[in-house]
Protein backbone atom coordinates (compact mmCIF):
# COMPACT_ATOMS: atom_id res chain seq x y z
CA MET A 1 -28.85 5.38 95.54
CA THR A 2 -27.46 6.37 92.11
CA THR A 3 -30.46 8.64 91.44
CA THR A 4 -30.06 10.29 94.82
CA THR A 5 -26.34 10.79 94.24
CA THR A 6 -26.94 12.42 90.86
CA ALA A 7 -29.64 14.70 92.27
CA LEU A 8 -27.39 15.89 95.08
CA ALA A 9 -24.57 16.64 92.70
CA GLN A 10 -26.67 18.75 90.29
CA PRO A 11 -26.85 22.56 90.76
CA ALA A 12 -30.23 23.70 92.09
CA SER A 13 -32.04 26.42 93.97
CA PRO A 14 -31.76 26.45 97.79
CA LEU A 15 -35.30 25.05 98.15
CA LYS A 16 -34.55 22.16 95.80
CA ARG A 17 -31.30 21.39 97.61
CA ILE A 18 -33.16 21.28 100.91
CA THR A 19 -35.92 19.02 99.57
CA ARG A 20 -33.29 16.71 98.04
CA VAL A 21 -31.74 16.25 101.46
CA THR A 22 -35.21 15.53 102.83
CA LYS A 23 -35.72 12.85 100.19
CA LEU A 24 -32.31 11.41 101.04
CA HIS A 25 -33.58 10.54 104.52
CA PHE A 26 -36.42 8.54 102.96
CA ALA A 27 -34.18 6.67 100.53
CA ASN A 28 -34.56 3.57 102.73
CA PRO A 29 -38.23 3.67 103.81
CA TRP A 30 -37.92 0.28 105.52
CA THR A 31 -36.16 1.72 108.57
CA THR A 32 -38.16 4.95 108.75
CA LEU A 33 -41.65 3.90 107.68
CA GLY A 34 -41.82 0.11 107.61
CA LEU A 35 -40.11 -1.50 110.57
CA PRO A 36 -41.53 0.85 113.26
CA TRP A 37 -45.12 0.01 112.32
CA ILE A 38 -44.34 -3.71 112.19
CA ILE A 39 -42.83 -3.61 115.69
CA LEU A 40 -45.78 -1.56 116.93
CA GLY A 41 -48.13 -4.09 115.36
CA VAL A 42 -46.38 -6.97 117.15
CA ILE A 43 -46.64 -5.11 120.46
CA PHE A 44 -50.32 -4.44 119.78
CA VAL A 45 -51.07 -8.09 119.00
CA GLY A 46 -49.24 -9.11 122.18
CA SER A 47 -51.25 -6.59 124.23
CA LEU A 48 -54.51 -7.76 122.67
CA THR A 49 -53.65 -11.35 123.51
CA ILE A 50 -52.95 -10.51 127.15
CA TRP A 51 -56.12 -8.43 127.39
CA TRP A 52 -58.18 -11.25 125.85
CA LEU A 53 -56.76 -13.80 128.30
CA ILE A 54 -57.67 -11.54 131.24
CA TYR A 55 -61.02 -10.60 129.76
CA SER A 56 -62.05 -14.18 128.97
CA ALA A 57 -61.09 -15.37 132.46
CA LEU A 58 -63.52 -12.95 134.13
CA SER A 59 -67.26 -13.12 134.51
CA PRO A 60 -69.37 -10.53 132.67
CA GLU A 61 -69.82 -8.65 135.94
CA GLN A 62 -66.08 -8.51 136.58
CA ARG A 63 -65.11 -7.39 133.08
CA GLU A 64 -66.33 -3.83 133.47
CA GLY A 65 -63.29 -1.71 134.28
CA ALA A 66 -60.95 -4.70 134.55
CA LEU A 67 -58.46 -3.14 132.12
CA GLU A 68 -58.71 0.47 133.29
CA GLY A 69 -55.10 0.39 134.47
CA THR A 70 -53.91 0.04 130.88
CA GLU A 71 -54.71 3.72 130.26
CA PHE A 72 -51.54 4.48 132.20
CA GLY A 73 -49.48 2.01 130.17
CA GLY A 74 -46.62 2.92 127.90
CA SER A 75 -46.57 0.08 125.38
CA SER A 76 -46.72 2.48 122.45
CA PHE A 77 -44.00 4.75 123.84
CA PHE A 78 -41.28 2.72 122.12
CA ILE A 79 -42.12 4.50 118.84
CA PHE A 80 -40.81 7.78 120.25
CA ILE A 81 -37.52 6.20 121.33
CA TYR A 82 -37.29 4.56 117.92
CA MET A 83 -37.65 7.95 116.23
CA MET A 84 -34.72 9.21 118.29
CA VAL A 85 -32.67 6.27 117.00
CA VAL A 86 -33.85 7.03 113.45
CA ALA A 87 -32.62 10.61 113.79
CA ILE A 88 -29.25 9.47 115.16
CA GLN A 89 -28.76 7.03 112.29
CA ALA A 90 -30.03 9.47 109.67
CA ILE A 91 -27.60 12.24 110.59
CA SER A 92 -24.57 10.04 111.25
CA ILE A 93 -24.97 8.11 107.97
CA THR A 94 -26.14 10.74 105.49
CA PHE A 95 -24.17 13.79 106.68
CA PRO A 96 -20.76 12.67 105.30
CA PHE A 97 -22.44 11.43 102.12
CA ALA A 98 -24.28 14.72 101.48
CA LEU A 99 -21.22 16.86 102.16
CA GLY A 100 -19.25 14.72 99.76
CA TYR A 101 -21.56 15.90 96.97
CA GLY A 102 -21.31 19.58 97.79
CA VAL A 103 -24.39 20.07 99.99
CA THR A 104 -23.86 22.91 102.44
CA ARG A 105 -24.24 22.27 106.15
CA ARG A 106 -27.09 24.79 106.31
CA ASP A 107 -29.06 23.13 103.50
CA TYR A 108 -28.33 19.72 104.96
CA TYR A 109 -29.68 20.57 108.39
CA LEU A 110 -32.75 22.38 107.02
CA GLY A 111 -33.50 19.39 104.82
CA SER A 112 -33.03 17.05 107.76
CA ALA A 113 -35.29 19.20 109.94
CA LEU A 114 -37.97 19.07 107.22
CA ALA A 115 -37.65 15.27 107.14
CA PHE A 116 -38.06 15.10 110.92
CA ILE A 117 -41.17 17.28 110.80
CA ALA A 118 -42.59 15.05 108.05
CA LEU A 119 -41.93 11.95 110.18
CA ALA A 120 -43.60 13.60 113.17
CA VAL A 121 -46.67 14.37 111.04
CA ILE A 122 -46.82 10.85 109.60
CA TYR A 123 -46.54 9.07 112.94
CA THR A 124 -48.81 11.52 114.75
CA THR A 125 -51.46 10.91 112.11
CA GLY A 126 -51.10 7.14 112.46
CA LEU A 127 -51.29 7.13 116.25
CA THR A 128 -54.21 9.58 116.19
CA VAL A 129 -56.22 7.34 113.85
CA LEU A 130 -55.45 4.26 115.97
CA GLY A 131 -56.34 6.17 119.14
CA ALA A 132 -59.66 7.27 117.62
CA ILE A 133 -60.47 3.66 116.69
CA GLU A 134 -59.51 2.56 120.19
CA LYS A 135 -61.85 5.11 121.75
CA ALA A 136 -64.70 4.32 119.32
CA THR A 137 -64.50 0.57 120.04
CA HIS A 138 -64.23 1.07 123.82
CA GLY A 139 -60.70 -0.27 123.97
CA TRP A 140 -61.03 -2.84 121.16
CA GLY A 141 -64.13 -4.25 122.83
CA MET A 142 -62.35 -5.01 126.11
CA GLY A 143 -61.58 -1.62 127.66
CA GLY A 144 -57.85 -1.76 126.94
CA THR A 145 -55.71 1.27 126.11
CA MET A 146 -52.57 1.41 124.02
CA PHE A 147 -52.75 4.31 121.58
CA ALA A 148 -54.59 6.89 123.71
CA PRO A 149 -53.03 6.76 127.19
CA ILE A 150 -54.34 9.27 129.69
CA TYR A 151 -51.10 11.25 129.87
CA PHE A 152 -51.52 12.19 126.18
CA GLY A 153 -54.69 14.10 126.98
CA GLU A 154 -58.41 13.45 127.06
CA SER A 155 -59.56 14.89 123.72
CA ALA A 156 -58.34 14.17 120.19
CA PRO A 157 -56.87 17.69 119.68
CA GLU A 158 -54.89 17.31 122.92
CA ARG A 159 -53.55 13.93 121.88
CA ILE A 160 -52.58 15.25 118.45
CA PHE A 161 -50.63 18.17 119.93
CA VAL A 162 -48.91 16.13 122.65
CA THR A 163 -47.99 13.32 120.28
CA PHE A 164 -46.63 15.73 117.66
CA VAL A 165 -44.43 17.73 120.04
CA LEU A 166 -43.13 14.52 121.63
CA PHE A 167 -42.08 13.22 118.23
CA LEU A 168 -40.38 16.53 117.50
CA PHE A 169 -38.49 16.41 120.78
CA PHE A 170 -37.15 12.89 120.33
CA LEU A 171 -36.24 13.47 116.67
CA PHE A 172 -34.34 16.70 117.31
CA PHE A 173 -32.78 15.39 120.51
CA GLY A 174 -31.57 12.43 118.45
CA SER A 175 -30.16 14.81 115.84
CA ALA A 176 -28.19 16.60 118.58
CA ILE A 177 -26.74 13.28 119.75
CA ALA A 178 -25.83 12.42 116.16
CA ALA A 179 -24.13 15.82 115.72
CA VAL A 180 -22.03 15.10 118.80
CA TRP A 181 -21.12 11.71 117.30
CA VAL A 182 -20.18 13.20 113.93
CA ARG A 183 -17.88 15.73 115.54
CA TRP A 184 -16.40 13.84 118.52
CA LYS A 185 -17.38 10.19 117.96
CA ALA A 186 -17.89 7.84 120.93
CA THR A 187 -15.94 9.98 123.38
CA GLY A 188 -18.17 12.96 122.70
CA VAL A 189 -21.39 10.93 123.03
CA THR A 190 -20.19 9.45 126.31
CA MET A 191 -19.42 12.90 127.69
CA PHE A 192 -22.75 14.17 126.37
CA PHE A 193 -24.72 11.60 128.35
CA ILE A 194 -22.56 12.17 131.42
CA VAL A 195 -23.42 15.88 131.29
CA VAL A 196 -27.13 15.17 130.74
CA ALA A 197 -27.15 12.68 133.64
CA ALA A 198 -25.32 15.16 135.87
CA LEU A 199 -27.86 17.87 135.08
CA LEU A 200 -30.76 15.54 135.88
CA VAL A 201 -29.18 14.40 139.14
CA GLY A 202 -28.45 18.02 140.02
CA LEU A 203 -32.06 19.06 139.44
CA ILE A 204 -33.34 16.11 141.50
CA ALA A 205 -30.92 16.97 144.31
CA LEU A 206 -31.96 20.64 144.19
CA ALA A 207 -35.64 19.76 144.47
CA THR A 208 -34.92 17.29 147.27
CA PHE A 209 -32.70 19.51 149.43
CA THR A 210 -35.00 22.51 149.06
CA ASP A 211 -38.16 20.47 149.74
CA SER A 212 -39.55 21.62 146.41
CA TRP A 213 -41.18 18.42 145.19
CA SER A 214 -44.63 19.58 146.26
CA ALA A 215 -44.11 22.82 144.34
CA VAL A 216 -42.91 20.87 141.31
CA GLY A 217 -45.97 18.64 141.46
CA ALA A 218 -48.30 21.62 141.85
CA THR A 219 -46.67 23.34 138.86
CA LEU A 220 -47.09 20.26 136.68
CA VAL A 221 -50.74 19.97 137.71
CA ASP A 222 -51.32 23.64 136.93
CA LEU A 223 -49.65 23.33 133.55
CA GLY A 224 -51.60 20.22 132.65
CA VAL A 225 -50.79 17.89 129.79
CA LEU A 226 -50.84 20.62 127.15
CA GLY A 227 -48.68 22.98 129.21
CA VAL A 228 -46.01 20.39 129.90
CA ALA A 229 -46.01 19.36 126.23
CA ALA A 230 -45.71 22.99 125.13
CA TRP A 231 -42.69 23.53 127.40
CA SER A 232 -41.00 20.55 125.75
CA LEU A 233 -40.76 22.70 122.62
CA VAL A 234 -38.10 24.73 124.43
CA LEU A 235 -35.95 21.60 124.79
CA THR A 236 -36.68 20.72 121.16
CA ALA A 237 -35.51 24.16 120.03
CA ILE A 238 -32.34 23.89 122.14
CA SER A 239 -31.63 20.46 120.64
CA GLY A 240 -32.17 21.79 117.12
CA VAL A 241 -29.89 24.79 117.59
CA ALA A 242 -27.24 22.64 119.26
CA GLY A 243 -27.35 20.07 116.47
CA PHE A 244 -27.03 22.72 113.76
CA THR A 245 -24.21 24.53 115.58
CA LEU A 246 -22.22 21.34 116.03
CA LEU A 247 -22.70 20.20 112.44
CA ARG A 248 -21.51 23.58 111.13
CA ARG A 249 -18.12 22.87 112.66
CA ALA A 250 -18.04 19.12 112.07
CA THR A 251 -15.73 17.65 109.44
CA PRO A 252 -16.35 13.93 108.91
CA ARG A 253 -13.29 11.99 107.81
CA ASN A 254 -15.02 10.59 104.77
CA ALA A 255 -16.53 13.89 103.63
CA ALA A 256 -14.99 15.77 100.75
């Protein structure tokens, strides 16, 4: 951490200041790059074990299509939630530290955004490779699906796009939550989730009382996987702007 501290304190161009903040988020690669893959590996081994038990209990005639339902599974979805937690921890921990060494809020958030994009690229690449192997081996030889669920798209380009924008959404949504925490602590986060829950309940009630669920379903079908994923970029942008706006006015107690 001493090297990172010295680098932050030294005068530099805006680009260097931004990249130094990005590197700050990778100062502890265990939480950002190590532990998530280990957990995913444990989940994968557990899934393989269950699939093998089912597969071995069936006759050769029964095995065909026995695990088709796994293509709708969400066992790999935890990685997206974990990235949201990573973003929350990254902002809440490093923001006071960076400001204490003279980093501007603008440079800090741009550097953080660059780190989030880098994480999205890294994890999208990893899941894409695993999904390609899964497809090539016909579900690891048993027809199972973990890394290429049907709601991520049929082709590799679709899965890459959907996976990438999902990572972006959860990372920037997590940064917005962290910005609320930095500025208003637990009370602010509690109110934040109350507002989000109220909005969701309000939208559900609106669709229910106006008999609009069929229209909602038709719209989602028309949009398709790529369309729905593309619209999530709007929420990602809103989260990013909200996070930056809140951090511009935030003054952590332990920041200089």
